[in-house]
Amino acid sequence: MSAVSRVLALSGGVGGAKLSLGLQRVLPPGALTVVANTGDDFEHLGLAISPDVDTTLYTLASLVNPQTGWGRDQESWNFMAEIERLGGETWFRLGDRDLALHVERTRRLRDGEPLDAIVRDFGWRLGVESRLLPMSNDQVRTVLETDAGVLAFQDYFVRRGCAPSVTAIRFEGAQRARAPAGILEALASGDFSAVVICPSNPFLSIDPILAIADWRDALRSAPVPVVAVSPIIAGGAVKGPTAKLMRELGLEVSSTTVAQHYRDLIDGFVIDVADVELSNRFDVPVHVAPTLMMSLRDKETLANEVLKFSHSISGAARTKVSS
């Protein structure tokens, strides 16, 4: 492990959760704080659902389904079978084990408890060594303008399988939203040694966080290195609609595009070994490493590479480019 100690990571769902797990395993217990996207949150069957928070929670607790990268391992589906028999909606599937989390979260939210406190307690009860936070306790919702009309995120992503062509993305409620209490003060005071933007979809998973002025301003002025890991490898995405979305928005599907997207926030950028020929095309220091995380060892290796890189640029002058 490098000399980097406490780390703040920004994450979406599966890809970000994988690197978060790697970071948790190579850092001392309690040294990692993960902030998860809640732009995907929605209400379904009367329950408050937080997909990216829950994927990260299950991953860090070693409870995630290893085949899908989301949902609970060893899940059963009796609830969904009964919902279908009763004529209810089944396009978003809630497993029996997973359902307990949604029911308890919904109850506590309706009793007035803030989401960050609920998530923190869930993490403790599930044995997570790291601190997991939602990006905000305030409601922010990702909405997509598509050739099939204006769609809520889960309608686009799950119900329609990302099939509609996207023309624009907006984050409703972001202008009023604030970061959870204390986290930005800790960042500004130097409590963290590095910030890692995980290899999540920049436009659907990380941008909802950055749409909150608190978060963007804090990263711009962070007194420690901010390093992003590209989700693009050799002109494609490992999983999800990132590459498709970039093409629909008229963007080149490349790590250089992702770095440019984060240009006013980052001090360093990590790309995959398959993109080594792009190394001289960036305005910030670049580190080349294997970023494809297929095994637990892959996750740990990438985490160590990211931490070492962060430490190597910690004393350098800030290189962020004004937007």
Protein backbone atom coordinates (compact mmCIF):
# COMPACT_ATOMS: atom_id res chain seq x y z
CA MET A 1 0.00 0.00 0.00
CA SER A 2 1.17 3.55 -0.73
CA ALA A 3 1.68 6.33 1.77
CA VAL A 4 -1.77 7.72 0.97
CA SER A 5 -3.93 7.28 4.08
CA ARG A 6 -7.53 8.51 4.10
CA VAL A 7 -9.27 8.55 0.73
CA LEU A 8 -12.55 9.99 -0.55
CA ALA A 9 -14.06 8.17 -3.55
CA LEU A 10 -16.95 9.28 -5.77
CA SER A 11 -18.85 6.37 -7.26
CA GLY A 12 -21.80 5.26 -9.29
CA GLY A 13 -22.88 1.64 -9.43
CA VAL A 14 -21.03 -1.51 -10.50
CA GLY A 15 -17.74 -0.12 -11.88
CA GLY A 16 -17.30 2.38 -9.10
CA ALA A 17 -18.23 -0.18 -6.46
CA LYS A 18 -15.54 -2.55 -7.76
CA LEU A 19 -12.77 0.01 -7.33
CA SER A 20 -14.24 1.06 -3.98
CA LEU A 21 -13.92 -2.54 -2.82
CA GLY A 22 -10.31 -2.62 -3.98
CA LEU A 23 -9.59 0.59 -2.09
CA GLN A 24 -11.27 -0.75 1.04
CA ARG A 25 -9.12 -3.87 0.93
CA VAL A 26 -5.77 -2.11 0.52
CA LEU A 27 -6.40 0.81 2.88
CA PRO A 28 -6.49 0.54 6.68
CA PRO A 29 -9.96 -0.13 8.15
CA GLY A 30 -12.02 3.04 8.23
CA ALA A 31 -9.68 4.97 5.90
CA LEU A 32 -12.08 5.00 2.94
CA THR A 33 -15.16 7.18 2.50
CA VAL A 34 -17.32 6.48 -0.55
CA VAL A 35 -19.88 8.99 -1.82
CA ALA A 36 -22.48 7.30 -4.01
CA ASN A 37 -24.70 8.77 -6.68
CA THR A 38 -28.39 9.13 -5.75
CA GLY A 39 -29.60 10.63 -9.03
CA ASP A 40 -30.85 7.13 -9.89
CA ASP A 41 -33.03 6.93 -6.76
CA PHE A 42 -36.77 6.55 -7.27
CA GLU A 43 -39.92 5.23 -5.67
CA HIS A 44 -41.15 1.82 -6.80
CA LEU A 45 -44.03 -0.20 -5.38
CA GLY A 46 -44.26 2.42 -2.68
CA LEU A 47 -40.64 1.93 -1.61
CA ALA A 48 -37.63 4.25 -1.68
CA ILE A 49 -35.00 2.61 -3.91
CA SER A 50 -31.33 3.74 -4.00
CA PRO A 51 -29.67 1.51 -6.63
CA ASP A 52 -26.13 2.90 -6.63
CA VAL A 53 -25.98 3.28 -2.86
CA ASP A 54 -27.19 -0.29 -2.43
CA THR A 55 -24.81 -1.75 -5.03
CA THR A 56 -21.92 -0.08 -3.25
CA LEU A 57 -23.19 -1.19 0.16
CA TYR A 58 -23.57 -4.82 -0.90
CA THR A 59 -20.19 -4.80 -2.65
CA LEU A 60 -18.32 -3.40 0.36
CA ALA A 61 -20.14 -5.87 2.62
CA SER A 62 -19.23 -8.83 0.32
CA LEU A 63 -22.94 -9.52 -0.16
CA VAL A 64 -23.30 -8.54 -3.82
CA ASN A 65 -24.32 -10.99 -6.53
CA PRO A 66 -20.97 -11.81 -8.19
CA GLN A 67 -22.60 -12.66 -11.53
CA THR A 68 -24.41 -9.35 -12.00
CA GLY A 69 -22.33 -6.99 -9.83
CA TRP A 70 -25.57 -5.67 -8.29
CA GLY A 71 -28.30 -7.08 -6.05
CA ARG A 72 -27.83 -9.66 -3.30
CA ASP A 73 -25.95 -12.89 -3.59
CA GLN A 74 -28.00 -16.08 -3.07
CA GLU A 75 -31.18 -14.13 -3.69
CA SER A 76 -34.70 -15.56 -3.89
CA TRP A 77 -37.66 -14.11 -5.79
CA ASN A 78 -40.86 -15.13 -4.01
CA PHE A 79 -41.99 -11.52 -3.60
CA MET A 80 -41.66 -10.77 -7.31
CA ALA A 81 -43.50 -13.96 -8.23
CA GLU A 82 -46.43 -12.93 -6.06
CA ILE A 83 -46.40 -9.35 -7.38
CA GLU A 84 -46.59 -10.72 -10.91
CA ARG A 85 -49.47 -13.04 -9.98
CA LEU A 86 -51.32 -10.06 -8.52
CA GLY A 87 -50.81 -8.00 -11.68
CA GLY A 88 -48.20 -5.62 -10.21
CA GLU A 89 -45.21 -4.07 -11.97
CA THR A 90 -42.28 -6.43 -12.42
CA TRP A 91 -39.94 -4.51 -14.74
CA PHE A 92 -37.73 -3.52 -11.78
CA ARG A 93 -37.01 -6.68 -9.84
CA LEU A 94 -36.65 -6.65 -6.07
CA GLY A 95 -35.29 -9.82 -4.50
CA ASP A 96 -36.52 -11.05 -1.13
CA ARG A 97 -33.30 -10.21 0.73
CA ASP A 98 -32.95 -6.90 -1.06
CA LEU A 99 -36.55 -6.03 -0.27
CA ALA A 100 -35.83 -5.84 3.46
CA LEU A 101 -33.38 -3.00 2.87
CA HIS A 102 -35.91 -0.99 0.86
CA VAL A 103 -38.70 -1.51 3.38
CA GLU A 104 -36.55 -0.43 6.32
CA ARG A 105 -35.11 2.57 4.45
CA THR A 106 -38.59 3.71 3.44
CA ARG A 107 -39.89 3.42 6.99
CA ARG A 108 -37.00 5.43 8.42
CA LEU A 109 -37.20 8.13 5.75
CA ARG A 110 -40.91 8.55 6.44
CA ASP A 111 -40.08 8.92 10.14
CA GLY A 112 -37.86 11.87 9.20
CA GLU A 113 -34.42 10.28 9.47
CA PRO A 114 -31.91 11.62 6.89
CA LEU A 115 -30.64 9.25 4.22
CA ASP A 116 -26.97 9.57 5.22
CA ALA A 117 -27.74 8.42 8.77
CA ILE A 118 -29.72 5.45 7.46
CA VAL A 119 -26.95 4.44 5.04
CA ARG A 120 -24.30 4.79 7.75
CA ASP A 121 -26.32 2.55 10.06
CA PHE A 122 -26.91 -0.04 7.33
CA GLY A 123 -23.17 -0.13 6.66
CA TRP A 124 -22.44 -0.72 10.34
CA ARG A 125 -25.03 -3.48 10.60
CA LEU A 126 -23.68 -5.22 7.48
CA GLY A 127 -20.10 -5.05 8.67
CA VAL A 128 -18.75 -2.51 6.16
CA GLU A 129 -15.36 -1.18 7.26
CA SER A 130 -15.61 1.99 5.18
CA ARG A 131 -17.88 5.00 5.49
CA LEU A 132 -20.58 5.14 2.80
CA LEU A 133 -22.53 8.33 2.13
CA PRO A 134 -25.21 9.36 -0.36
CA MET A 135 -24.17 12.41 -2.40
CA SER A 136 -26.97 14.39 -0.71
CA ASN A 137 -29.90 14.01 1.64
CA ASP A 138 -31.86 16.19 -0.77
CA GLN A 139 -33.70 14.72 -3.72
CA VAL A 140 -31.91 14.91 -7.08
CA ARG A 141 -33.33 13.03 -10.04
CA THR A 142 -31.59 12.22 -13.32
CA VAL A 143 -33.89 12.88 -16.27
CA LEU A 144 -33.09 12.12 -19.89
CA GLU A 145 -34.42 13.77 -23.02
CA THR A 146 -34.66 11.06 -25.66
CA ASP A 147 -36.22 10.24 -29.01
CA ALA A 148 -38.91 8.43 -26.98
CA GLY A 149 -39.66 11.53 -24.91
CA VAL A 150 -38.52 12.74 -21.50
CA LEU A 151 -37.71 9.71 -19.33
CA ALA A 152 -36.87 9.20 -15.67
CA PHE A 153 -33.56 7.41 -15.29
CA GLN A 154 -34.84 3.96 -14.29
CA ASP A 155 -37.46 4.07 -17.05
CA TYR A 156 -34.63 4.63 -19.54
CA PHE A 157 -32.07 2.35 -17.95
CA VAL A 158 -34.07 -0.66 -16.78
CA ARG A 159 -37.58 -0.62 -18.28
CA ARG A 160 -36.34 0.34 -21.77
CA GLY A 161 -32.87 -1.17 -21.55
CA CYS A 162 -31.12 2.09 -22.61
CA ALA A 163 -32.62 1.68 -26.10
CA PRO A 164 -33.85 5.29 -26.66
CA SER A 165 -31.37 7.74 -28.14
CA VAL A 166 -30.39 10.44 -25.63
CA THR A 167 -30.19 14.09 -26.66
CA ALA A 168 -29.75 15.77 -23.27
CA ILE A 169 -29.46 15.00 -19.55
CA ARG A 170 -30.59 17.09 -16.61
CA PHE A 171 -30.52 16.68 -12.85
CA GLU A 172 -33.71 17.94 -11.30
CA GLY A 173 -33.28 19.31 -7.80
CA ALA A 174 -29.49 19.64 -8.04
CA GLN A 175 -29.57 23.43 -7.72
CA ARG A 176 -31.19 23.15 -4.28
CA ALA A 177 -29.27 20.12 -3.06
CA ARG A 178 -26.42 20.21 -0.56
CA ALA A 179 -23.73 17.72 0.36
CA PRO A 180 -24.19 15.79 3.64
CA ALA A 181 -23.02 17.73 6.69
CA GLY A 182 -19.35 17.55 7.54
CA ILE A 183 -17.88 15.81 4.52
CA LEU A 184 -16.83 18.89 2.56
CA GLU A 185 -15.43 20.51 5.69
CA ALA A 186 -13.31 17.40 6.20
CA LEU A 187 -12.07 17.59 2.61
CA ALA A 188 -11.22 21.29 2.85
CA SER A 189 -9.35 20.82 6.12
CA GLY A 190 -7.05 18.16 4.70
CA ASP A 191 -8.57 15.17 6.48
CA PHE A 192 -8.24 13.21 3.23
CA SER A 193 -5.03 12.53 1.33
CA ALA A 194 -6.65 12.00 -2.06
CA VAL A 195 -9.94 12.07 -3.94
CA VAL A 196 -10.66 9.31 -6.45
CA ILE A 197 -13.34 9.62 -9.12
CA CYS A 198 -14.13 5.97 -9.81
CA PRO A 199 -14.59 4.50 -13.33
CA SER A 200 -18.34 5.04 -13.32
CA ASN A 201 -20.34 6.55 -16.18
CA PRO A 202 -19.23 10.22 -16.17
CA PHE A 203 -22.55 11.49 -17.51
CA LEU A 204 -25.07 9.35 -15.61
CA SER A 205 -23.26 8.40 -12.41
CA ILE A 206 -20.68 11.08 -11.59
CA ASP A 207 -22.35 14.15 -13.13
CA PRO A 208 -25.32 13.99 -10.72
CA ILE A 209 -22.81 14.46 -7.89
CA LEU A 210 -20.98 17.25 -9.72
CA ALA A 211 -24.28 18.98 -10.54
CA ILE A 212 -24.47 19.88 -6.85
CA ALA A 213 -22.52 23.13 -6.53
CA ASP A 214 -21.15 22.12 -3.11
CA TRP A 215 -19.41 19.12 -4.59
CA ARG A 216 -18.03 20.74 -7.73
CA ASP A 217 -16.69 23.75 -5.84
CA ALA A 218 -15.11 21.51 -3.20
CA LEU A 219 -13.30 19.40 -5.78
CA ARG A 220 -12.06 22.45 -7.65
CA SER A 221 -10.49 23.83 -4.49
CA ALA A 222 -9.51 20.52 -2.86
CA PRO A 223 -6.11 20.78 -1.13
CA VAL A 224 -5.26 17.19 -2.17
CA PRO A 225 -4.91 15.44 -5.54
CA VAL A 226 -8.13 14.60 -7.36
CA VAL A 227 -7.56 11.60 -9.63
CA ALA A 228 -10.10 10.10 -12.04
CA VAL A 229 -10.04 6.60 -13.51
CA SER A 230 -11.30 6.27 -17.06
CA PRO A 231 -14.28 3.96 -17.64
CA ILE A 232 -13.31 3.73 -21.32
CA ILE A 233 -10.90 1.04 -22.54
CA ALA A 234 -9.76 0.94 -26.17
CA GLY A 235 -12.69 3.02 -27.38
CA GLY A 236 -15.38 1.10 -25.55
CA ALA A 237 -17.03 0.72 -22.16
CA VAL A 238 -16.74 -2.44 -20.10
CA LYS A 239 -20.42 -2.39 -19.16
CA GLY A 240 -23.46 -0.16 -19.45
CA PRO A 241 -24.47 2.58 -21.88
CA THR A 242 -21.43 4.89 -21.54
CA ALA A 243 -20.12 4.43 -25.09
CA LYS A 244 -23.60 4.50 -26.64
CA LEU A 245 -24.48 7.64 -24.73
CA MET A 246 -21.26 9.39 -25.73
CA ARG A 247 -21.91 8.70 -29.40
CA GLU A 248 -25.48 9.99 -29.12
CA LEU A 249 -24.21 13.19 -27.50
CA GLY A 250 -21.73 13.68 -30.36
CA LEU A 251 -18.65 12.83 -28.30
CA GLU A 252 -15.67 10.71 -29.25
CA VAL A 253 -15.67 7.46 -27.27
CA SER A 254 -12.23 7.89 -25.79
CA SER A 255 -10.43 8.32 -22.48
CA THR A 256 -9.35 11.76 -23.70
CA THR A 257 -13.01 12.81 -23.84
CA VAL A 258 -13.56 11.70 -20.26
CA ALA A 259 -10.48 13.59 -19.07
CA GLN A 260 -11.68 16.70 -20.87
CA HIS A 261 -15.08 16.30 -19.20
CA TYR A 262 -13.37 16.43 -15.78
CA ARG A 263 -10.76 19.02 -16.82
CA ASP A 264 -11.56 21.65 -14.16
CA LEU A 265 -11.59 19.11 -11.32
CA ILE A 266 -8.73 16.66 -11.70
CA ASP A 267 -4.99 16.70 -11.06
CA GLY A 268 -4.34 13.29 -12.58
CA PHE A 269 -5.95 10.69 -14.82
CA VAL A 270 -5.62 6.89 -14.98
CA ILE A 271 -6.03 5.09 -18.30
CA ASP A 272 -5.87 1.44 -19.26
CA VAL A 273 -2.77 -0.21 -20.72
CA ALA A 274 -4.73 -0.68 -23.95
CA ASP A 275 -4.75 3.12 -24.34
CA VAL A 276 -1.06 3.72 -23.70
CA GLU A 277 -0.68 5.42 -27.10
CA LEU A 278 -2.96 8.21 -25.84
CA SER A 279 -0.65 9.07 -22.93
CA ASN A 280 0.60 12.32 -24.47
CA ARG A 281 -2.84 13.68 -25.26
CA PHE A 282 -3.79 14.89 -21.78
CA ASP A 283 -3.41 18.22 -19.97
CA VAL A 284 -2.81 16.52 -16.60
CA PRO A 285 -0.39 13.82 -15.42
CA VAL A 286 -1.43 10.39 -16.69
CA HIS A 287 -0.84 6.97 -15.21
CA VAL A 288 -1.20 3.78 -17.27
CA ALA A 289 -2.46 0.69 -15.43
CA PRO A 290 -4.67 -2.37 -15.96
CA THR A 291 -8.14 -0.97 -15.25
CA LEU A 292 -10.27 -4.00 -16.16
CA MET A 293 -11.44 -5.45 -12.84
CA MET A 294 -12.46 -9.07 -13.36
CA SER A 295 -11.14 -10.53 -10.11
CA LEU A 296 -10.64 -9.41 -6.54
CA ARG A 297 -6.92 -9.22 -7.21
CA ASP A 298 -7.58 -6.92 -10.20
CA LYS A 299 -9.53 -4.57 -7.92
CA GLU A 300 -6.75 -4.49 -5.35
CA THR A 301 -4.07 -3.98 -8.01
CA LEU A 302 -5.88 -1.03 -9.56
CA ALA A 303 -6.55 0.45 -6.12
CA ASN A 304 -2.85 0.32 -5.28
CA GLU A 305 -1.93 1.84 -8.64
CA VAL A 306 -4.37 4.71 -8.09
CA LEU A 307 -3.08 5.37 -4.58
CA LYS A 308 0.56 5.33 -5.64
CA PHE A 309 -0.22 7.70 -8.50
CA SER A 310 -2.12 10.03 -6.18
CA HIS A 311 0.81 10.08 -3.79
CA SER A 312 3.27 10.79 -6.62
CA ILE A 313 1.45 13.98 -7.60
CA SER A 314 0.52 15.12 -4.10
CA GLY A 315 3.37 17.60 -3.93
CA ALA A 316 3.01 18.88 -7.48
CA ALA A 317 1.48 22.21 -8.44
CA ARG A 318 -2.24 22.10 -9.15
CA THR A 319 -2.85 21.42 -12.82
CA LYS A 320 -6.61 21.84 -13.12
CA VAL A 321 -7.74 23.59 -16.29
CA SER A 322 -10.42 26.26 -15.99
CA SER A 323 -13.67 25.32 -17.65
